[in-house]
Amino acid sequence: MRTVTKKDLTDRIADATKAKRTLVKGIVQQFLDEIVTELSKGNRLEFRDFGVFEIRTRKPRMAQNPRTLERVPVPVKSTVKFKVGRLMKESVQNVASEGSSAKPESLERDAPSSAASQPSRPPAGI
């Protein structure tokens, strides 16, 4: 899996639309800025079939410092939640199912028999 950057997307859009890269870069950046602005106002953004961005508030809680084991209060925190839309969900599931079907059949058939041939471990605590 490779990482796709904003520049990669900007270049693809510019090539597809035959628009100047600087114009496309400005539009993409403005779009992202608008998302941030609306979320900072507490608004919910809904893009049909793509997904929904919304702010969720986490309650204050007590946590523990793993190094010192000291109990530490964690204040209220706002986070962005993204709920996947229908088309994206279907598209990602198709990618996942294609990836799992790429596994050779011989490995699928051999997996249970090789697990059975290994000596069994005694239960923990014996």
N, C-alpha and C. Protein backbone atom coordinates (compact mmCIF):
# COMPACT_ATOMS: atom_id res chain seq x y z
N MET A 1 0.85 -1.17 0.00
CA MET A 1 0.00 0.00 0.00
C MET A 1 0.90 1.23 0.00
N ARG A 2 0.57 2.18 -0.84
CA ARG A 2 1.40 3.38 -0.91
C ARG A 2 0.63 4.56 -0.35
N THR A 3 1.35 5.57 0.07
CA THR A 3 0.75 6.80 0.59
C THR A 3 0.53 7.77 -0.55
N VAL A 4 -0.67 8.30 -0.63
CA VAL A 4 -1.00 9.30 -1.65
C VAL A 4 -1.09 10.65 -0.94
N THR A 5 -0.34 11.63 -1.43
CA THR A 5 -0.29 12.94 -0.80
C THR A 5 -1.26 13.91 -1.47
N LYS A 6 -1.41 15.06 -0.84
CA LYS A 6 -2.24 16.11 -1.41
C LYS A 6 -1.69 16.53 -2.78
N LYS A 7 -0.39 16.55 -2.91
CA LYS A 7 0.23 16.91 -4.18
C LYS A 7 -0.13 15.88 -5.26
N ASP A 8 -0.09 14.60 -4.91
CA ASP A 8 -0.47 13.56 -5.86
C ASP A 8 -1.89 13.76 -6.35
N LEU A 9 -2.80 14.01 -5.42
CA LEU A 9 -4.20 14.22 -5.80
C LEU A 9 -4.36 15.48 -6.64
N THR A 10 -3.67 16.54 -6.25
CA THR A 10 -3.72 17.79 -7.01
C THR A 10 -3.23 17.57 -8.44
N ASP A 11 -2.14 16.84 -8.59
CA ASP A 11 -1.60 16.56 -9.93
C ASP A 11 -2.58 15.74 -10.77
N ARG A 12 -3.22 14.74 -10.16
CA ARG A 12 -4.19 13.92 -10.88
C ARG A 12 -5.38 14.76 -11.35
N ILE A 13 -5.88 15.60 -10.45
CA ILE A 13 -7.03 16.44 -10.80
C ILE A 13 -6.65 17.43 -11.90
N ALA A 14 -5.48 18.02 -11.79
CA ALA A 14 -5.01 18.97 -12.81
C ALA A 14 -4.89 18.28 -14.17
N ASP A 15 -4.36 17.06 -14.18
CA ASP A 15 -4.23 16.33 -15.43
C ASP A 15 -5.60 15.97 -16.02
N ALA A 16 -6.50 15.55 -15.15
CA ALA A 16 -7.83 15.13 -15.62
C ALA A 16 -8.66 16.30 -16.12
N THR A 17 -8.50 17.47 -15.52
CA THR A 17 -9.32 18.62 -15.89
C THR A 17 -8.61 19.58 -16.83
N LYS A 18 -7.34 19.32 -17.09
CA LYS A 18 -6.52 20.20 -17.93
C LYS A 18 -6.43 21.61 -17.34
N ALA A 19 -6.57 21.73 -16.02
CA ALA A 19 -6.45 23.03 -15.33
C ALA A 19 -5.02 23.18 -14.83
N LYS A 20 -4.65 24.41 -14.53
CA LYS A 20 -3.31 24.67 -14.01
C LYS A 20 -3.19 24.10 -12.61
N ARG A 21 -2.01 23.55 -12.33
CA ARG A 21 -1.78 22.93 -11.02
C ARG A 21 -1.94 23.94 -9.88
N THR A 22 -1.50 25.18 -10.08
CA THR A 22 -1.63 26.17 -9.02
C THR A 22 -3.09 26.46 -8.70
N LEU A 23 -3.94 26.48 -9.72
CA LEU A 23 -5.37 26.70 -9.50
C LEU A 23 -5.98 25.52 -8.74
N VAL A 24 -5.67 24.31 -9.17
CA VAL A 24 -6.20 23.11 -8.52
C VAL A 24 -5.70 23.02 -7.09
N LYS A 25 -4.42 23.34 -6.88
CA LYS A 25 -3.85 23.31 -5.54
C LYS A 25 -4.61 24.28 -4.62
N GLY A 26 -4.89 25.47 -5.11
CA GLY A 26 -5.64 26.46 -4.34
C GLY A 26 -7.05 25.99 -4.00
N ILE A 27 -7.71 25.36 -4.97
CA ILE A 27 -9.08 24.87 -4.75
C ILE A 27 -9.08 23.74 -3.72
N VAL A 28 -8.16 22.80 -3.87
CA VAL A 28 -8.09 21.68 -2.93
C VAL A 28 -7.79 22.20 -1.53
N GLN A 29 -6.84 23.13 -1.41
CA GLN A 29 -6.50 23.68 -0.10
C GLN A 29 -7.68 24.44 0.50
N GLN A 30 -8.39 25.21 -0.32
CA GLN A 30 -9.56 25.95 0.16
C GLN A 30 -10.64 24.99 0.65
N PHE A 31 -10.85 23.90 -0.07
CA PHE A 31 -11.82 22.89 0.33
C PHE A 31 -11.47 22.31 1.69
N LEU A 32 -10.21 21.94 1.88
CA LEU A 32 -9.77 21.39 3.16
C LEU A 32 -9.89 22.42 4.29
N ASP A 33 -9.54 23.68 3.98
CA ASP A 33 -9.68 24.75 4.97
C ASP A 33 -11.13 24.93 5.39
N GLU A 34 -12.05 24.83 4.44
CA GLU A 34 -13.47 24.98 4.75
C GLU A 34 -13.96 23.85 5.65
N ILE A 35 -13.47 22.64 5.42
CA ILE A 35 -13.83 21.52 6.29
C ILE A 35 -13.37 21.81 7.71
N VAL A 36 -12.13 22.25 7.86
CA VAL A 36 -11.59 22.56 9.19
C VAL A 36 -12.39 23.68 9.84
N THR A 37 -12.71 24.72 9.09
CA THR A 37 -13.47 25.86 9.62
C THR A 37 -14.84 25.41 10.12
N GLU A 38 -15.54 24.65 9.31
CA GLU A 38 -16.88 24.20 9.71
C GLU A 38 -16.83 23.29 10.92
N LEU A 39 -15.85 22.39 10.98
CA LEU A 39 -15.72 21.52 12.15
C LEU A 39 -15.38 22.33 13.40
N SER A 40 -14.54 23.36 13.25
CA SER A 40 -14.17 24.18 14.42
C SER A 40 -15.37 24.98 14.93
N LYS A 41 -16.37 25.22 14.08
CA LYS A 41 -17.60 25.88 14.50
C LYS A 41 -18.57 24.90 15.14
N GLY A 42 -18.22 23.61 15.12
CA GLY A 42 -19.09 22.59 15.70
C GLY A 42 -20.10 22.03 14.71
N ASN A 43 -19.96 22.37 13.44
CA ASN A 43 -20.89 21.90 12.42
C ASN A 43 -20.56 20.49 11.96
N ARG A 44 -21.56 19.82 11.46
CA ARG A 44 -21.44 18.47 10.92
C ARG A 44 -21.37 18.59 9.40
N LEU A 45 -20.42 17.90 8.77
CA LEU A 45 -20.30 17.93 7.31
C LEU A 45 -20.73 16.59 6.75
N GLU A 46 -21.67 16.62 5.84
CA GLU A 46 -22.17 15.38 5.25
C GLU A 46 -21.97 15.42 3.75
N PHE A 47 -21.22 14.45 3.25
CA PHE A 47 -21.01 14.28 1.82
C PHE A 47 -21.68 12.97 1.44
N ARG A 48 -22.82 13.05 0.80
CA ARG A 48 -23.63 11.86 0.47
C ARG A 48 -22.77 10.77 -0.17
N ASP A 49 -22.97 9.57 0.30
CA ASP A 49 -22.29 8.36 -0.18
C ASP A 49 -20.79 8.35 0.10
N PHE A 50 -20.21 9.46 0.50
CA PHE A 50 -18.78 9.51 0.83
C PHE A 50 -18.61 9.30 2.33
N GLY A 51 -19.26 10.15 3.13
CA GLY A 51 -19.15 10.02 4.57
C GLY A 51 -19.54 11.29 5.29
N VAL A 52 -19.46 11.24 6.62
CA VAL A 52 -19.86 12.34 7.48
C VAL A 52 -18.73 12.64 8.47
N PHE A 53 -18.37 13.92 8.56
CA PHE A 53 -17.43 14.39 9.57
C PHE A 53 -18.24 15.06 10.67
N GLU A 54 -17.95 14.72 11.92
CA GLU A 54 -18.61 15.40 13.02
C GLU A 54 -17.70 15.44 14.24
N ILE A 55 -17.99 16.39 15.12
CA ILE A 55 -17.21 16.56 16.34
C ILE A 55 -17.82 15.68 17.43
N ARG A 56 -16.98 14.96 18.13
CA ARG A 56 -17.40 14.17 19.29
C ARG A 56 -16.62 14.68 20.50
N THR A 57 -17.27 14.78 21.62
CA THR A 57 -16.63 15.23 22.84
C THR A 57 -16.40 14.03 23.74
N ARG A 58 -15.16 13.83 24.14
CA ARG A 58 -14.82 12.75 25.06
C ARG A 58 -14.94 13.26 26.48
N LYS A 59 -15.51 12.46 27.34
CA LYS A 59 -15.70 12.84 28.74
C LYS A 59 -14.36 12.89 29.46
N PRO A 60 -14.29 13.71 30.52
CA PRO A 60 -13.06 13.69 31.32
C PRO A 60 -12.93 12.33 32.01
N ARG A 61 -11.70 11.90 32.25
CA ARG A 61 -11.49 10.59 32.89
C ARG A 61 -10.17 10.58 33.63
N MET A 62 -9.98 9.53 34.40
CA MET A 62 -8.71 9.34 35.09
C MET A 62 -7.91 8.30 34.31
N ALA A 63 -6.64 8.60 34.05
CA ALA A 63 -5.75 7.67 33.36
C ALA A 63 -4.56 7.38 34.27
N GLN A 64 -3.67 6.55 33.80
CA GLN A 64 -2.51 6.18 34.60
C GLN A 64 -1.25 6.34 33.77
N ASN A 65 -0.27 7.05 34.35
CA ASN A 65 1.03 7.20 33.70
C ASN A 65 1.71 5.82 33.75
N PRO A 66 2.01 5.22 32.59
CA PRO A 66 2.58 3.88 32.60
C PRO A 66 3.98 3.80 33.21
N ARG A 67 4.70 4.90 33.20
CA ARG A 67 6.06 4.89 33.73
C ARG A 67 6.05 4.98 35.26
N THR A 68 5.26 5.90 35.80
CA THR A 68 5.27 6.13 37.26
C THR A 68 4.07 5.50 37.97
N LEU A 69 3.09 5.01 37.19
CA LEU A 69 1.84 4.44 37.71
C LEU A 69 1.01 5.46 38.49
N GLU A 70 1.35 6.73 38.32
CA GLU A 70 0.60 7.81 38.97
C GLU A 70 -0.71 8.04 38.22
N ARG A 71 -1.81 8.26 38.96
CA ARG A 71 -3.10 8.54 38.35
C ARG A 71 -3.11 9.99 37.89
N VAL A 72 -3.58 10.20 36.66
CA VAL A 72 -3.54 11.52 36.05
C VAL A 72 -4.93 11.85 35.49
N PRO A 73 -5.45 13.05 35.78
CA PRO A 73 -6.74 13.41 35.19
C PRO A 73 -6.58 13.80 33.72
N VAL A 74 -7.47 13.31 32.89
CA VAL A 74 -7.48 13.66 31.47
C VAL A 74 -8.70 14.55 31.26
N PRO A 75 -8.50 15.77 30.77
CA PRO A 75 -9.61 16.71 30.62
C PRO A 75 -10.54 16.34 29.46
N VAL A 76 -11.64 17.06 29.35
CA VAL A 76 -12.57 16.91 28.23
C VAL A 76 -11.80 17.15 26.94
N LYS A 77 -12.11 16.36 25.91
CA LYS A 77 -11.38 16.48 24.66
C LYS A 77 -12.36 16.36 23.50
N SER A 78 -12.23 17.23 22.52
CA SER A 78 -13.04 17.15 21.31
C SER A 78 -12.22 16.50 20.21
N THR A 79 -12.85 15.57 19.50
CA THR A 79 -12.18 14.89 18.39
C THR A 79 -13.09 14.88 17.18
N VAL A 80 -12.52 14.64 16.03
CA VAL A 80 -13.30 14.53 14.80
C VAL A 80 -13.56 13.06 14.54
N LYS A 81 -14.81 12.75 14.29
CA LYS A 81 -15.20 11.38 13.94
C LYS A 81 -15.61 11.39 12.48
N PHE A 82 -15.20 10.38 11.74
CA PHE A 82 -15.60 10.22 10.35
C PHE A 82 -16.37 8.93 10.22
N LYS A 83 -17.60 9.03 9.74
CA LYS A 83 -18.41 7.84 9.50
C LYS A 83 -18.43 7.62 7.99
N VAL A 84 -18.02 6.44 7.57
CA VAL A 84 -17.89 6.11 6.16
C VAL A 84 -19.26 6.02 5.49
N GLY A 85 -19.37 6.58 4.30
CA GLY A 85 -20.60 6.53 3.51
C GLY A 85 -20.71 5.23 2.72
N ARG A 86 -21.87 5.02 2.13
CA ARG A 86 -22.20 3.78 1.44
C ARG A 86 -21.23 3.45 0.31
N LEU A 87 -21.00 4.38 -0.61
CA LEU A 87 -20.13 4.08 -1.76
C LEU A 87 -18.70 3.80 -1.33
N MET A 88 -18.20 4.57 -0.37
CA MET A 88 -16.83 4.32 0.08
C MET A 88 -16.75 2.97 0.77
N LYS A 89 -17.73 2.65 1.60
CA LYS A 89 -17.73 1.38 2.31
C LYS A 89 -17.72 0.21 1.32
N GLU A 90 -18.58 0.29 0.29
CA GLU A 90 -18.62 -0.77 -0.71
C GLU A 90 -17.30 -0.87 -1.47
N SER A 91 -16.72 0.25 -1.80
CA SER A 91 -15.47 0.26 -2.55
C SER A 91 -14.33 -0.35 -1.72
N VAL A 92 -14.26 0.02 -0.45
CA VAL A 92 -13.21 -0.50 0.42
C VAL A 92 -13.42 -1.99 0.68
N GLN A 93 -14.67 -2.42 0.83
CA GLN A 93 -14.93 -3.84 1.04
C GLN A 93 -14.54 -4.64 -0.20
N ASN A 94 -14.77 -4.08 -1.38
CA ASN A 94 -14.37 -4.77 -2.61
C ASN A 94 -12.85 -4.93 -2.67
N VAL A 95 -12.12 -3.91 -2.26
CA VAL A 95 -10.66 -3.99 -2.23
C VAL A 95 -10.22 -5.06 -1.23
N ALA A 96 -10.85 -5.08 -0.06
CA ALA A 96 -10.50 -6.05 0.97
C ALA A 96 -10.80 -7.47 0.51
N SER A 97 -11.95 -7.68 -0.13
CA SER A 97 -12.30 -9.03 -0.57
C SER A 97 -11.40 -9.49 -1.71
N GLU A 98 -10.99 -8.57 -2.58
CA GLU A 98 -10.06 -8.93 -3.66
C GLU A 98 -8.70 -9.29 -3.08
N GLY A 99 -8.28 -8.60 -2.04
CA GLY A 99 -7.00 -8.88 -1.41
C GLY A 99 -6.99 -10.23 -0.73
N SER A 100 -8.10 -10.61 -0.08
CA SER A 100 -8.15 -11.89 0.61
C SER A 100 -8.30 -13.04 -0.36
N SER A 101 -8.93 -12.80 -1.52
CA SER A 101 -9.09 -13.87 -2.51
C SER A 101 -7.80 -14.11 -3.28
N ALA A 102 -6.84 -13.20 -3.16
CA ALA A 102 -5.57 -13.36 -3.86
C ALA A 102 -4.69 -14.42 -3.20
N LYS A 103 -5.09 -14.90 -2.03
CA LYS A 103 -4.33 -15.91 -1.31
C LYS A 103 -4.42 -17.23 -2.07
N PRO A 104 -3.30 -17.88 -2.33
CA PRO A 104 -3.33 -19.13 -3.08
C PRO A 104 -4.16 -20.20 -2.37
N GLU A 105 -4.87 -21.02 -3.16
CA GLU A 105 -5.71 -22.06 -2.57
C GLU A 105 -4.89 -23.07 -1.79
N SER A 106 -3.68 -23.36 -2.23
CA SER A 106 -2.87 -24.36 -1.55
C SER A 106 -2.58 -23.93 -0.12
N LEU A 107 -2.40 -22.64 0.11
CA LEU A 107 -2.16 -22.18 1.48
C LEU A 107 -3.42 -22.30 2.32
N GLU A 108 -4.58 -22.04 1.71
CA GLU A 108 -5.82 -22.16 2.44
C GLU A 108 -6.07 -23.61 2.84
N ARG A 109 -5.77 -24.57 1.96
CA ARG A 109 -5.99 -25.98 2.27
C ARG A 109 -4.97 -26.49 3.28
N ASP A 110 -3.72 -26.01 3.19
CA ASP A 110 -2.66 -26.50 4.06
C ASP A 110 -2.75 -25.94 5.47
N ALA A 111 -3.36 -24.78 5.64
CA ALA A 111 -3.37 -24.12 6.95
C ALA A 111 -3.97 -24.99 8.04
N PRO A 112 -5.18 -25.58 7.89
CA PRO A 112 -5.73 -26.37 8.98
C PRO A 112 -4.91 -27.62 9.26
N SER A 113 -4.39 -28.31 8.22
CA SER A 113 -3.64 -29.54 8.46
C SER A 113 -2.31 -29.26 9.14
N SER A 114 -1.64 -28.16 8.79
CA SER A 114 -0.36 -27.85 9.43
C SER A 114 -0.57 -27.46 10.88
N ALA A 115 -1.70 -26.82 11.18
CA ALA A 115 -1.98 -26.46 12.57
C ALA A 115 -2.26 -27.71 13.38
N ALA A 116 -2.91 -28.71 12.76
CA ALA A 116 -3.24 -29.94 13.48
C ALA A 116 -2.00 -30.78 13.73
N SER A 117 -0.97 -30.68 12.88
CA SER A 117 0.22 -31.50 13.05
C SER A 117 1.17 -30.97 14.12
N GLN A 118 0.96 -29.72 14.56
CA GLN A 118 1.81 -29.16 15.59
C GLN A 118 1.40 -29.72 16.94
N PRO A 119 2.38 -29.94 17.83
CA PRO A 119 2.02 -30.45 19.15
C PRO A 119 1.17 -29.42 19.89
N SER A 120 0.21 -29.92 20.64
CA SER A 120 -0.65 -29.00 21.39
C SER A 120 0.08 -28.51 22.63
N ARG A 121 -0.19 -27.27 22.98
CA ARG A 121 0.41 -26.68 24.17
C ARG A 121 -0.47 -26.95 25.38
N PRO A 122 0.14 -27.13 26.52
CA PRO A 122 -0.69 -27.30 27.72
C PRO A 122 -1.36 -25.98 28.06
N PRO A 123 -2.51 -26.00 28.71
CA PRO A 123 -3.19 -24.77 29.11
C PRO A 123 -2.30 -23.92 30.00
N ALA A 124 -2.47 -22.61 29.92
CA ALA A 124 -1.66 -21.69 30.73
C ALA A 124 -1.92 -21.93 32.20
N GLY A 125 -0.88 -21.85 32.99
CA GLY A 125 -1.01 -21.98 34.44
C GLY A 125 -0.74 -23.39 34.93
N ILE A 126 -0.36 -24.31 34.04
CA ILE A 126 -0.08 -25.70 34.48
C ILE A 126 1.40 -25.89 34.60
